[in-house]
Amino acid sequence: MLHIKVNEDLLLRTYEAEDAEELFAVIHKNREHLRPWLLWVDATQSVKDSEQVILDSLYQLETEDGI
């Protein structure tokens, strides 16, 4: 896992599977705005889809095959 403490109030970190529900809610609310930058937005239709995006991202980080 990646954790970068920016200051006392801000921590940047990789997503974890537990973040899937909140991630889906934010994506769903902002689809139109996010679509040009995140190619997977339209394929994300459920919390399970968001969880898979997170797991794929963690795998890419682990294998150094993506961001």
Protein backbone atom coordinates (compact mmCIF):
# COMPACT_ATOMS: atom_id res chain seq x y z
CA MET A 1 0.00 0.00 0.00
CA LEU A 2 1.10 3.50 -0.75
CA HIS A 3 0.68 6.16 1.95
CA ILE A 4 1.92 9.73 1.56
CA LYS A 5 1.30 12.11 4.44
CA VAL A 6 1.00 15.56 2.88
CA ASN A 7 0.31 17.38 6.15
CA GLU A 8 -1.53 16.83 9.44
CA ASP A 9 -4.91 16.89 7.67
CA LEU A 10 -4.19 15.12 4.39
CA LEU A 11 -3.07 11.57 3.64
CA LEU A 12 -2.86 10.27 0.07
CA ARG A 13 -3.16 6.49 -0.17
CA THR A 14 -4.06 3.73 -2.56
CA TYR A 15 -7.63 2.54 -2.53
CA GLU A 16 -8.54 -0.52 -0.49
CA ALA A 17 -11.38 -2.94 -1.21
CA GLU A 18 -13.35 -1.39 1.68
CA ASP A 19 -13.45 1.88 -0.29
CA ALA A 20 -15.59 0.38 -3.08
CA GLU A 21 -18.97 1.63 -1.86
CA GLU A 22 -17.83 5.21 -1.36
CA LEU A 23 -15.88 5.17 -4.64
CA PHE A 24 -18.96 3.97 -6.52
CA ALA A 25 -21.12 6.69 -4.98
CA VAL A 26 -18.68 9.42 -6.03
CA ILE A 27 -18.29 7.99 -9.54
CA HIS A 28 -22.05 7.64 -9.99
CA LYS A 29 -22.67 11.23 -8.88
CA ASN A 30 -19.97 12.62 -11.21
CA ARG A 31 -20.09 10.37 -14.30
CA GLU A 32 -20.42 13.13 -16.89
CA HIS A 33 -17.47 15.05 -15.49
CA LEU A 34 -15.21 12.00 -15.06
CA ARG A 35 -15.97 10.25 -18.35
CA PRO A 36 -13.33 12.07 -20.48
CA TRP A 37 -10.51 11.07 -18.13
CA LEU A 38 -11.51 7.70 -16.74
CA LEU A 39 -12.23 5.17 -19.47
CA TRP A 40 -13.74 2.67 -17.02
CA VAL A 41 -16.49 5.01 -15.71
CA ASP A 42 -19.21 3.64 -18.02
CA ALA A 43 -18.30 0.07 -17.13
CA THR A 44 -18.72 0.86 -13.43
CA GLN A 45 -22.38 0.13 -12.78
CA SER A 46 -22.23 -1.34 -9.26
CA VAL A 47 -20.23 -1.39 -6.05
CA LYS A 48 -18.85 -4.77 -7.20
CA ASP A 49 -17.50 -3.07 -10.35
CA SER A 50 -15.77 -0.43 -8.21
CA GLU A 51 -14.28 -3.16 -6.05
CA GLN A 52 -12.87 -4.82 -9.17
CA VAL A 53 -11.34 -1.52 -10.33
CA ILE A 54 -9.67 -1.23 -6.95
CA LEU A 55 -8.38 -4.82 -7.02
CA ASP A 56 -7.08 -4.36 -10.58
CA SER A 57 -5.31 -1.15 -9.57
CA LEU A 58 -3.70 -2.82 -6.56
CA TYR A 59 -2.53 -5.68 -8.77
CA GLN A 60 -1.02 -3.22 -11.26
CA LEU A 61 0.76 -1.43 -8.41
CA GLU A 62 2.07 -4.74 -7.02
CA THR A 63 3.32 -5.94 -10.41
CA GLU A 64 4.58 -2.49 -11.44
CA ASP A 65 2.34 -2.68 -14.51
CA GLY A 66 0.40 0.56 -14.10
CA ILE A 67 -0.30 3.41 -11.76
